[in-house]
Amino acid sequence: MPRRPPRKPDPSLDLSGHLLELAALPAPLDPNSLFPHQAAIEMEVGSGKGLFLSTASAARPDLNFLGVEISGGYARLCASKLAAQQATNGRIIHGDATYLARSLLPDSCLAAIHVYFPDPWWKARHRKRRVLSDAFLVHAGRVLMPGGKLHIWTDVEEYFHEALAAAQSTGLFSAASDVEARPAEHDLDYRTHFERRTRLAGAPVWRALLERSPAPATCSRTEVTLPG
């Protein structure tokens, strides 16, 4: 059974090859330039402690995985996991995913986007901070290639249905498909640590897979002021 990862990055690890600062990236950004080998790129929004990013990059060396995490501490933890396993196909960007999608990424550059257990921002005055917003989903459709996949998992049913409705309203995605849960084979056989905690507590998880349609994008890359 795999051991649980440390709570803090190993200070002896060199994170420079895996940790990127959003403010230092060019606009437009060719995400292929972030990796030494050309391959289809999948992006995770809100990588947290890095379980999906580290596991997926190890399991699929034929793909490149790009994480985006707004917390500096978590971004460093993600980078430390990638550095420890010497992942050449994994990178983490410290910064805001909505800004990245709106202002840096070009059209049709991603094969998939993964959004797992995003912060629901319960208070009404904070709803604008939700990552699965109308603006983000429009640009998610723009940066996904036709046939690309959008994965949405959450433990908040209301947020789940709002996000699916917003995705459908863009006209850029097919109808959502359900994703069946599978039994975990070991203690860390989950997409994220949050999924592990939620499922072990017996709480429900809502999952959907949406496919990017052939419809033309309804927006263009727009440079905006970097958040913060």
Protein backbone atom coordinates (compact mmCIF):
# COMPACT_ATOMS: atom_id res chain seq x y z
CA MET A 1 0.00 0.00 0.00
CA PRO A 2 1.45 3.42 -0.94
CA ARG A 3 2.52 5.64 1.93
CA ARG A 4 0.77 8.93 2.43
CA PRO A 5 2.76 11.90 1.12
CA PRO A 6 4.45 14.40 3.46
CA ARG A 7 2.52 17.50 4.40
CA LYS A 8 5.40 19.80 3.46
CA PRO A 9 7.71 19.78 0.43
CA ASP A 10 11.11 18.18 0.85
CA PRO A 11 13.43 21.23 1.16
CA SER A 12 16.22 19.35 -0.62
CA LEU A 13 14.24 19.05 -3.86
CA ASP A 14 14.84 21.43 -6.75
CA LEU A 15 11.37 22.60 -7.79
CA SER A 16 12.48 24.97 -10.56
CA GLY A 17 11.73 22.49 -13.33
CA HIS A 18 8.20 21.78 -12.14
CA LEU A 19 6.89 24.94 -10.44
CA LEU A 20 5.91 27.88 -12.67
CA GLU A 21 4.65 31.34 -11.70
CA LEU A 22 1.69 32.56 -13.72
CA ALA A 23 2.93 36.15 -13.61
CA ALA A 24 6.15 35.11 -15.36
CA LEU A 25 4.47 33.36 -18.29
CA PRO A 26 4.06 35.04 -21.71
CA ALA A 27 0.77 35.89 -23.38
CA PRO A 28 -0.12 34.10 -25.51
CA LEU A 29 1.34 30.96 -23.96
CA ASP A 30 2.12 27.85 -25.97
CA PRO A 31 1.63 25.16 -23.29
CA ASN A 32 3.79 22.77 -25.32
CA SER A 33 6.76 25.01 -24.49
CA LEU A 34 6.44 24.01 -20.83
CA PHE A 35 7.36 20.38 -21.48
CA PRO A 36 10.48 18.76 -22.96
CA HIS A 37 8.46 16.34 -25.09
CA GLN A 38 5.49 17.09 -27.35
CA ALA A 39 2.27 15.28 -26.39
CA ALA A 40 -1.42 15.97 -25.83
CA ILE A 41 -1.90 18.18 -22.76
CA GLU A 42 -4.46 17.72 -19.99
CA MET A 43 -4.96 20.49 -17.44
CA GLU A 44 -6.15 20.15 -13.85
CA VAL A 45 -7.74 23.22 -12.27
CA GLY A 46 -7.15 23.42 -8.53
CA SER A 47 -4.54 20.72 -7.98
CA GLY A 48 -4.61 20.89 -4.17
CA LYS A 49 -2.16 18.43 -2.65
CA GLY A 50 -1.28 17.05 -6.07
CA LEU A 51 -2.62 13.50 -5.87
CA PHE A 52 -4.21 13.53 -9.34
CA LEU A 53 -1.32 15.38 -10.97
CA SER A 54 1.35 13.03 -9.60
CA THR A 55 -0.66 9.85 -10.15
CA ALA A 56 -1.84 10.70 -13.66
CA SER A 57 1.59 11.83 -14.89
CA ALA A 58 3.12 8.57 -13.62
CA ALA A 59 0.38 6.38 -15.11
CA ARG A 60 0.29 8.12 -18.52
CA PRO A 61 3.82 9.01 -19.67
CA ASP A 62 2.39 9.46 -23.18
CA LEU A 63 0.51 12.59 -22.04
CA ASN A 64 1.56 15.92 -20.52
CA PHE A 65 -0.24 17.13 -17.40
CA LEU A 66 -0.47 20.80 -16.41
CA GLY A 67 -1.84 21.73 -13.00
CA VAL A 68 -3.01 25.17 -11.88
CA GLU A 69 -3.20 25.98 -8.16
CA ILE A 70 -3.92 29.37 -6.61
CA SER A 71 -2.40 28.47 -3.21
CA GLY A 72 1.35 28.92 -3.15
CA GLY A 73 1.83 26.27 -0.46
CA TYR A 74 -0.16 23.65 -2.33
CA ALA A 75 1.53 24.55 -5.62
CA ARG A 76 4.92 23.89 -4.01
CA LEU A 77 3.65 20.61 -2.58
CA CYS A 78 2.48 19.55 -6.06
CA ALA A 79 5.83 20.52 -7.54
CA SER A 80 7.69 18.55 -4.87
CA LYS A 81 5.75 15.39 -5.74
CA LEU A 82 6.48 15.82 -9.42
CA ALA A 83 10.15 16.53 -8.72
CA ALA A 84 10.46 13.53 -6.39
CA GLN A 85 9.21 11.18 -9.09
CA GLN A 86 11.25 13.02 -11.75
CA ALA A 87 8.14 13.57 -13.85
CA THR A 88 9.10 15.14 -17.16
CA ASN A 89 5.42 15.25 -18.18
CA GLY A 90 4.05 17.11 -15.15
CA ARG A 91 4.10 20.84 -14.36
CA ILE A 92 2.23 23.03 -11.86
CA ILE A 93 1.43 26.72 -12.34
CA HIS A 94 0.94 28.85 -9.24
CA GLY A 95 -1.84 31.25 -10.12
CA ASP A 96 -5.45 31.82 -11.10
CA ALA A 97 -6.92 29.32 -13.58
CA THR A 98 -9.54 31.70 -14.93
CA TYR A 99 -6.88 34.26 -15.82
CA LEU A 100 -4.80 31.53 -17.45
CA ALA A 101 -7.72 30.34 -19.58
CA ARG A 102 -8.93 33.82 -20.54
CA SER A 103 -5.66 35.58 -21.17
CA LEU A 104 -2.84 33.17 -21.94
CA LEU A 105 -3.97 29.90 -23.51
CA PRO A 106 -4.60 29.76 -27.27
CA ASP A 107 -7.54 28.06 -28.97
CA SER A 108 -7.79 24.26 -29.09
CA CYS A 109 -4.57 23.61 -27.16
CA LEU A 110 -5.83 21.11 -24.54
CA ALA A 111 -7.06 17.53 -24.81
CA ALA A 112 -8.83 17.60 -21.43
CA ILE A 113 -9.62 19.77 -18.43
CA HIS A 114 -10.09 18.23 -14.98
CA VAL A 115 -11.95 20.12 -12.24
CA TYR A 116 -12.23 18.09 -9.05
CA PHE A 117 -14.02 19.35 -5.93
CA PRO A 118 -13.71 23.10 -6.54
CA ASP A 119 -14.35 25.44 -3.63
CA PRO A 120 -18.15 26.10 -3.58
CA TRP A 121 -17.82 29.59 -2.07
CA TRP A 122 -21.09 29.27 -0.18
CA LYS A 123 -21.79 32.94 0.60
CA ALA A 124 -23.77 34.79 -2.08
CA ARG A 125 -21.28 37.66 -2.20
CA HIS A 126 -18.48 35.15 -2.92
CA ARG A 127 -20.19 33.26 -5.76
CA LYS A 128 -18.23 35.25 -8.33
CA ARG A 129 -15.10 33.45 -7.09
CA ARG A 130 -16.35 30.05 -8.20
CA VAL A 131 -14.04 28.60 -10.82
CA LEU A 132 -16.90 26.94 -12.76
CA SER A 133 -18.29 30.31 -13.79
CA ASP A 134 -19.87 31.27 -17.09
CA ALA A 135 -16.66 33.04 -18.16
CA PHE A 136 -14.39 30.12 -17.28
CA LEU A 137 -16.61 27.56 -19.03
CA VAL A 138 -16.75 29.62 -22.22
CA HIS A 139 -12.95 29.79 -22.28
CA ALA A 140 -12.69 26.14 -21.29
CA GLY A 141 -14.62 25.38 -24.45
CA ARG A 142 -12.33 27.67 -26.43
CA VAL A 143 -9.06 26.10 -25.25
CA LEU A 144 -10.28 22.50 -25.57
CA MET A 145 -9.81 20.88 -28.95
CA PRO A 146 -12.91 19.38 -30.62
CA GLY A 147 -13.57 16.07 -28.91
CA GLY A 148 -11.65 17.22 -25.82
CA LYS A 149 -12.99 16.23 -22.41
CA LEU A 150 -14.17 18.31 -19.46
CA HIS A 151 -14.27 16.34 -16.19
CA ILE A 152 -16.32 17.82 -13.33
CA TRP A 153 -16.53 16.17 -9.90
CA THR A 154 -17.94 17.77 -6.75
CA ASP A 155 -19.60 16.90 -3.46
CA VAL A 156 -21.98 19.90 -3.77
CA GLU A 157 -25.08 18.93 -5.75
CA GLU A 158 -26.32 22.49 -6.29
CA TYR A 159 -22.93 23.60 -7.65
CA PHE A 160 -22.80 20.51 -9.88
CA HIS A 161 -26.13 21.24 -11.58
CA GLU A 162 -25.35 24.96 -11.93
CA ALA A 163 -22.01 24.14 -13.57
CA LEU A 164 -23.57 21.68 -16.01
CA ALA A 165 -26.26 24.20 -16.95
CA ALA A 166 -23.63 26.89 -17.49
CA ALA A 167 -21.54 24.54 -19.64
CA GLN A 168 -24.53 23.65 -21.79
CA SER A 169 -25.43 27.32 -22.22
CA THR A 170 -22.09 27.93 -23.97
CA GLY A 171 -23.18 25.72 -26.88
CA LEU A 172 -19.67 24.22 -26.91
CA PHE A 173 -20.26 20.92 -25.11
CA SER A 174 -22.24 17.76 -25.67
CA ALA A 175 -24.73 16.57 -23.08
CA ALA A 176 -23.04 15.47 -19.88
CA SER A 177 -22.39 11.77 -19.32
CA ASP A 178 -22.48 10.20 -15.89
CA VAL A 179 -19.25 8.77 -14.49
CA GLU A 180 -19.56 5.70 -12.30
CA ALA A 181 -17.55 5.49 -9.09
CA ARG A 182 -15.19 2.53 -8.82
CA PRO A 183 -13.93 0.87 -5.66
CA ALA A 184 -10.54 2.10 -4.48
CA GLU A 185 -7.82 -0.56 -4.65
CA HIS A 186 -5.70 1.08 -1.94
CA ASP A 187 -5.66 4.07 0.39
CA LEU A 188 -4.56 6.58 -2.24
CA ASP A 189 -6.51 5.17 -5.19
CA TYR A 190 -8.65 8.29 -5.58
CA ARG A 191 -8.58 11.24 -7.96
CA THR A 192 -7.85 13.66 -5.12
CA HIS A 193 -7.36 13.64 -1.36
CA PHE A 194 -10.71 15.42 -1.07
CA GLU A 195 -12.43 12.59 -2.94
CA ARG A 196 -10.83 10.11 -0.54
CA ARG A 197 -12.06 12.01 2.50
CA THR A 198 -15.55 12.46 1.05
CA ARG A 199 -16.02 8.84 0.04
CA LEU A 200 -14.62 7.43 3.27
CA ALA A 201 -17.14 9.60 5.11
CA GLY A 202 -19.91 8.01 3.05
CA ALA A 203 -20.91 11.31 1.42
CA PRO A 204 -22.13 11.42 -2.21
CA VAL A 205 -20.03 12.66 -5.12
CA TRP A 206 -21.49 14.01 -8.36
CA ARG A 207 -19.43 13.30 -11.49
CA ALA A 208 -19.87 14.25 -15.14
CA LEU A 209 -17.93 14.06 -18.37
CA LEU A 210 -18.59 16.58 -21.14
CA GLU A 211 -17.13 16.45 -24.63
CA ARG A 212 -16.16 19.51 -26.63
CA SER A 213 -18.41 19.77 -29.68
CA PRO A 214 -17.22 20.79 -33.16
CA ALA A 215 -18.97 24.17 -32.77
CA PRO A 216 -16.67 27.20 -33.27
CA ALA A 217 -15.53 29.04 -30.16
CA THR A 218 -17.70 31.96 -29.13
CA CYS A 219 -14.89 34.07 -27.69
CA SER A 220 -11.25 34.89 -28.25
CA ARG A 221 -8.26 35.10 -25.96
CA THR A 222 -8.56 38.34 -24.02
CA GLU A 223 -5.74 39.85 -22.04
CA VAL A 224 -6.89 41.09 -18.65
CA THR A 225 -5.14 42.34 -15.53
CA LEU A 226 -3.48 39.59 -13.54
CA PRO A 227 -5.46 38.91 -10.32
CA GLY A 228 -3.85 39.95 -7.06
